[in-house]
C-alpha cells in the first residue's frame, strides 16, 4: 500500500503497520536519516519506507506477518526492533 492510498482504508477500523525507529544518524538501512527517524516497513523490499507499507486489520495479523518474515526483516533492517503500531497514531507521530 502507498501512503497516498491511506484514504481508501476503512476509517472506522484501526489499521496496524510494522514500523521501526532509526537507532542512529545515517543508519545503514536508511542512509542520510537522523537518529530517531520513524519508518514503516515496505512489504516488498523488507526495508524502511516513508511511503510504502503493509497494512493489517488487527495487531495480531501484523505481528504474525512480522514473525513470518523476521529473517528477511532482520537482514533488511539491521536487527532493530520491529513493532506493530496503529497506522493513524504512527502517521500523526503519537506512537
N, C-alpha and C. Protein backbone atom coordinates (compact mmCIF):
# COMPACT_ATOMS: atom_id res chain seq x y z
N UNK A 1 0.85 -1.17 0.00
CA UNK A 1 0.00 0.00 0.00
C UNK A 1 0.89 1.23 0.00
N UNK A 2 0.41 2.27 -0.64
CA UNK A 2 1.12 3.55 -0.68
C UNK A 2 0.50 4.51 0.34
N UNK A 3 1.33 5.37 0.86
CA UNK A 3 0.85 6.35 1.83
C UNK A 3 -0.26 7.22 1.22
N UNK A 4 -0.18 7.49 -0.06
CA UNK A 4 -1.19 8.29 -0.73
C UNK A 4 -2.54 7.58 -0.83
N UNK A 5 -2.57 6.26 -0.58
CA UNK A 5 -3.80 5.48 -0.66
C UNK A 5 -4.47 5.29 0.70
N UNK A 6 -3.97 5.92 1.73
CA UNK A 6 -4.50 5.75 3.09
C UNK A 6 -5.99 6.07 3.15
N UNK A 7 -6.45 7.03 2.37
CA UNK A 7 -7.86 7.42 2.39
C UNK A 7 -8.78 6.28 1.97
N UNK A 8 -8.25 5.28 1.30
CA UNK A 8 -9.07 4.15 0.85
C UNK A 8 -9.35 3.15 1.96
N UNK A 9 -8.61 3.24 3.06
CA UNK A 9 -8.83 2.33 4.18
C UNK A 9 -10.08 2.73 4.94
N UNK A 10 -10.77 1.76 5.50
CA UNK A 10 -11.97 1.99 6.29
C UNK A 10 -11.60 2.80 7.54
N UNK A 11 -12.11 4.03 7.66
CA UNK A 11 -11.73 4.88 8.80
C UNK A 11 -12.36 4.45 10.13
N UNK A 12 -13.28 3.52 10.10
CA UNK A 12 -13.91 3.07 11.35
C UNK A 12 -13.11 1.96 12.02
N UNK A 13 -12.05 1.51 11.37
CA UNK A 13 -11.21 0.42 11.90
C UNK A 13 -9.84 0.96 12.29
N UNK A 14 -9.19 0.24 13.17
CA UNK A 14 -7.79 0.54 13.47
C UNK A 14 -6.94 -0.34 12.59
N UNK A 15 -6.06 0.28 11.81
CA UNK A 15 -5.16 -0.44 10.92
C UNK A 15 -3.78 -0.48 11.57
N UNK A 16 -3.09 -1.58 11.41
CA UNK A 16 -1.79 -1.78 12.04
C UNK A 16 -0.72 -1.93 10.98
N UNK A 17 0.46 -1.39 11.26
CA UNK A 17 1.60 -1.48 10.34
C UNK A 17 2.86 -1.86 11.10
N UNK A 18 3.76 -2.58 10.46
CA UNK A 18 5.08 -2.81 11.07
C UNK A 18 5.90 -1.53 10.92
N UNK A 19 6.57 -1.14 11.99
CA UNK A 19 7.31 0.12 11.98
C UNK A 19 8.62 -0.02 12.74
N UNK A 20 9.57 0.85 12.40
CA UNK A 20 10.88 0.87 13.05
C UNK A 20 11.31 2.32 13.29
N UNK A 21 12.26 2.46 14.21
CA UNK A 21 12.86 3.77 14.51
C UNK A 21 14.36 3.65 14.28
N UNK A 22 14.92 4.60 13.58
CA UNK A 22 16.35 4.59 13.30
C UNK A 22 17.16 4.68 14.59
N UNK A 23 18.08 3.73 14.79
CA UNK A 23 18.86 3.73 16.02
C UNK A 23 20.01 4.73 16.03
N UNK A 24 20.35 5.26 14.86
CA UNK A 24 21.49 6.17 14.75
C UNK A 24 21.37 7.04 13.52
N UNK A 25 22.13 8.12 13.53
CA UNK A 25 22.18 9.00 12.37
C UNK A 25 22.83 8.24 11.22
N UNK A 26 22.34 8.47 10.02
CA UNK A 26 22.87 7.83 8.82
C UNK A 26 22.89 6.30 8.95
N UNK A 27 21.79 5.78 9.47
CA UNK A 27 21.59 4.34 9.66
C UNK A 27 21.78 3.63 8.33
N UNK A 28 22.46 2.49 8.35
CA UNK A 28 22.77 1.74 7.12
C UNK A 28 21.50 1.35 6.36
N UNK A 29 20.41 1.08 7.04
CA UNK A 29 19.16 0.69 6.37
C UNK A 29 18.44 1.89 5.74
N UNK A 30 18.79 3.11 6.18
CA UNK A 30 18.18 4.33 5.65
C UNK A 30 19.23 5.43 5.62
N UNK A 31 20.19 5.34 4.70
CA UNK A 31 21.27 6.33 4.64
C UNK A 31 20.74 7.76 4.57
N UNK A 32 21.39 8.63 5.33
CA UNK A 32 21.01 10.03 5.34
C UNK A 32 19.96 10.40 6.37
N UNK A 33 19.42 9.42 7.08
CA UNK A 33 18.37 9.73 8.06
C UNK A 33 18.98 10.25 9.36
N UNK A 34 18.15 10.82 10.19
CA UNK A 34 18.59 11.26 11.51
C UNK A 34 18.30 10.17 12.52
N UNK A 35 18.95 10.25 13.67
CA UNK A 35 18.68 9.30 14.75
C UNK A 35 17.25 9.51 15.22
N UNK A 36 16.50 8.45 15.39
CA UNK A 36 15.11 8.54 15.83
C UNK A 36 14.11 8.72 14.71
N UNK A 37 14.58 8.71 13.45
CA UNK A 37 13.66 8.82 12.32
C UNK A 37 12.73 7.62 12.32
N UNK A 38 11.47 7.86 11.99
CA UNK A 38 10.44 6.83 12.05
C UNK A 38 10.09 6.36 10.65
N UNK A 39 10.01 5.05 10.49
CA UNK A 39 9.70 4.45 9.19
C UNK A 39 8.69 3.32 9.35
N UNK A 40 7.89 3.14 8.31
CA UNK A 40 7.08 1.94 8.20
C UNK A 40 7.92 0.94 7.40
N UNK A 41 7.47 -0.29 7.32
CA UNK A 41 8.23 -1.32 6.61
C UNK A 41 7.54 -1.64 5.28
N UNK A 42 8.30 -1.56 4.22
CA UNK A 42 7.81 -1.90 2.88
C UNK A 42 7.72 -3.42 2.79
N UNK A 43 6.55 -3.93 2.52
CA UNK A 43 6.32 -5.36 2.46
C UNK A 43 6.94 -6.06 1.28
N UNK A 44 7.35 -5.32 0.26
CA UNK A 44 8.01 -5.93 -0.90
C UNK A 44 9.52 -6.02 -0.71
N UNK A 45 10.11 -4.96 -0.14
CA UNK A 45 11.57 -4.91 -0.01
C UNK A 45 12.06 -5.27 1.38
N UNK A 46 11.15 -5.26 2.36
CA UNK A 46 11.50 -5.50 3.76
C UNK A 46 12.53 -4.47 4.25
N UNK A 47 12.38 -3.26 3.78
CA UNK A 47 13.26 -2.15 4.12
C UNK A 47 12.42 -1.01 4.71
N UNK A 48 13.07 -0.06 5.39
CA UNK A 48 12.33 1.09 5.92
C UNK A 48 11.77 1.93 4.77
N UNK A 49 10.59 2.50 5.00
CA UNK A 49 9.94 3.29 3.96
C UNK A 49 9.06 4.35 4.59
N UNK A 50 8.95 5.47 3.93
CA UNK A 50 8.02 6.51 4.37
C UNK A 50 6.73 6.47 3.55
N UNK A 51 6.78 5.82 2.40
CA UNK A 51 5.62 5.85 1.53
C UNK A 51 4.97 4.52 1.20
N UNK A 52 5.68 3.43 1.35
CA UNK A 52 5.15 2.10 1.05
C UNK A 52 5.09 1.29 2.34
N UNK A 53 4.00 0.56 2.54
CA UNK A 53 3.87 -0.22 3.77
C UNK A 53 2.82 -1.30 3.62
N UNK A 54 2.83 -2.22 4.58
CA UNK A 54 1.81 -3.25 4.68
C UNK A 54 0.83 -2.81 5.76
N UNK A 55 -0.46 -2.88 5.49
CA UNK A 55 -1.48 -2.54 6.49
C UNK A 55 -2.27 -3.79 6.85
N UNK A 56 -2.54 -3.97 8.14
CA UNK A 56 -3.25 -5.15 8.63
C UNK A 56 -4.45 -4.71 9.45
N UNK A 57 -5.51 -5.53 9.42
CA UNK A 57 -6.73 -5.16 10.13
C UNK A 57 -6.72 -5.51 11.61
N UNK A 58 -5.63 -6.13 12.09
CA UNK A 58 -5.52 -6.40 13.52
C UNK A 58 -4.05 -6.41 13.92
N UNK A 59 -3.82 -6.16 15.19
CA UNK A 59 -2.46 -6.20 15.70
C UNK A 59 -1.90 -7.61 15.57
N UNK A 60 -2.73 -8.60 15.83
CA UNK A 60 -2.29 -9.99 15.73
C UNK A 60 -1.83 -10.33 14.31
N UNK A 61 -2.59 -9.91 13.30
CA UNK A 61 -2.21 -10.18 11.91
C UNK A 61 -0.88 -9.51 11.58
N UNK A 62 -0.67 -8.31 12.08
CA UNK A 62 0.58 -7.61 11.84
C UNK A 62 1.74 -8.33 12.52
N UNK A 63 1.55 -8.74 13.76
CA UNK A 63 2.60 -9.46 14.48
C UNK A 63 2.92 -10.80 13.81
N UNK A 64 1.90 -11.47 13.30
CA UNK A 64 2.14 -12.74 12.59
C UNK A 64 2.98 -12.50 11.34
N UNK A 65 2.69 -11.42 10.61
CA UNK A 65 3.46 -11.09 9.42
C UNK A 65 4.92 -10.81 9.80
N UNK A 66 5.12 -10.06 10.86
CA UNK A 66 6.48 -9.76 11.33
C UNK A 66 7.21 -11.05 11.67
N UNK A 67 6.56 -11.94 12.39
CA UNK A 67 7.21 -13.21 12.77
C UNK A 67 7.48 -14.09 11.55
N UNK A 68 6.56 -14.13 10.61
CA UNK A 68 6.73 -14.96 9.42
C UNK A 68 7.91 -14.49 8.57
N UNK A 69 8.17 -13.19 8.59
CA UNK A 69 9.23 -12.62 7.75
C UNK A 69 10.43 -12.11 8.55
N UNK A 70 10.56 -12.55 9.78
CA UNK A 70 11.59 -11.98 10.67
C UNK A 70 13.01 -12.12 10.13
N UNK A 71 13.35 -13.21 9.44
CA UNK A 71 14.71 -13.35 8.92
C UNK A 71 15.00 -12.28 7.86
N UNK A 72 14.09 -12.10 6.93
CA UNK A 72 14.29 -11.07 5.89
C UNK A 72 14.24 -9.68 6.48
N UNK A 73 13.37 -9.46 7.46
CA UNK A 73 13.30 -8.15 8.12
C UNK A 73 14.60 -7.84 8.85
N UNK A 74 15.14 -8.82 9.55
CA UNK A 74 16.41 -8.59 10.26
C UNK A 74 17.54 -8.27 9.30
N UNK A 75 17.56 -8.91 8.14
CA UNK A 75 18.59 -8.60 7.13
C UNK A 75 18.41 -7.19 6.58
N UNK A 76 17.17 -6.82 6.29
CA UNK A 76 16.91 -5.52 5.68
C UNK A 76 16.89 -4.35 6.65
N UNK A 77 16.71 -4.65 7.93
CA UNK A 77 16.57 -3.56 8.91
C UNK A 77 17.68 -3.55 9.96
N UNK A 78 18.68 -4.36 9.76
CA UNK A 78 19.83 -4.31 10.65
C UNK A 78 19.56 -4.70 12.09
N UNK A 79 18.57 -5.54 12.33
CA UNK A 79 18.33 -6.05 13.66
C UNK A 79 17.62 -5.11 14.63
N UNK A 80 17.08 -3.98 14.16
CA UNK A 80 16.35 -3.10 15.07
C UNK A 80 15.00 -3.71 15.43
N UNK A 81 14.41 -3.22 16.51
CA UNK A 81 13.10 -3.72 16.94
C UNK A 81 12.03 -3.30 15.94
N UNK A 82 11.25 -4.26 15.51
CA UNK A 82 10.14 -4.01 14.59
C UNK A 82 8.87 -4.13 15.41
N UNK A 83 8.07 -3.09 15.41
CA UNK A 83 6.86 -3.08 16.24
C UNK A 83 5.62 -3.01 15.36
N UNK A 84 4.54 -3.56 15.88
CA UNK A 84 3.22 -3.40 15.26
C UNK A 84 2.60 -2.17 15.91
N UNK A 85 2.30 -1.16 15.09
CA UNK A 85 1.76 0.10 15.63
C UNK A 85 0.48 0.47 14.90
N UNK A 86 -0.43 1.21 15.57
CA UNK A 86 -1.63 1.69 14.89
C UNK A 86 -1.24 2.73 13.83
N UNK A 87 -1.68 2.53 12.61
CA UNK A 87 -1.31 3.40 11.49
C UNK A 87 -1.66 4.86 11.76
N UNK A 88 -2.87 5.14 12.23
CA UNK A 88 -3.28 6.53 12.42
C UNK A 88 -2.37 7.24 13.44
N UNK A 89 -2.09 6.59 14.55
CA UNK A 89 -1.22 7.20 15.57
C UNK A 89 0.22 7.36 15.06
N UNK A 90 0.69 6.40 14.26
CA UNK A 90 2.04 6.48 13.72
C UNK A 90 2.17 7.66 12.77
N UNK A 91 1.18 7.82 11.89
CA UNK A 91 1.24 8.92 10.92
C UNK A 91 1.14 10.28 11.60
N UNK A 92 0.46 10.33 12.74
CA UNK A 92 0.34 11.60 13.48
C UNK A 92 1.51 11.82 14.43
N UNK A 93 2.41 10.85 14.55
CA UNK A 93 3.55 10.98 15.43
C UNK A 93 3.23 10.76 16.89
N UNK A 94 2.12 10.09 17.18
CA UNK A 94 1.69 9.87 18.56
C UNK A 94 2.17 8.56 19.13
N UNK A 95 2.64 7.68 18.30
CA UNK A 95 3.11 6.36 18.78
C UNK A 95 4.54 6.14 18.36
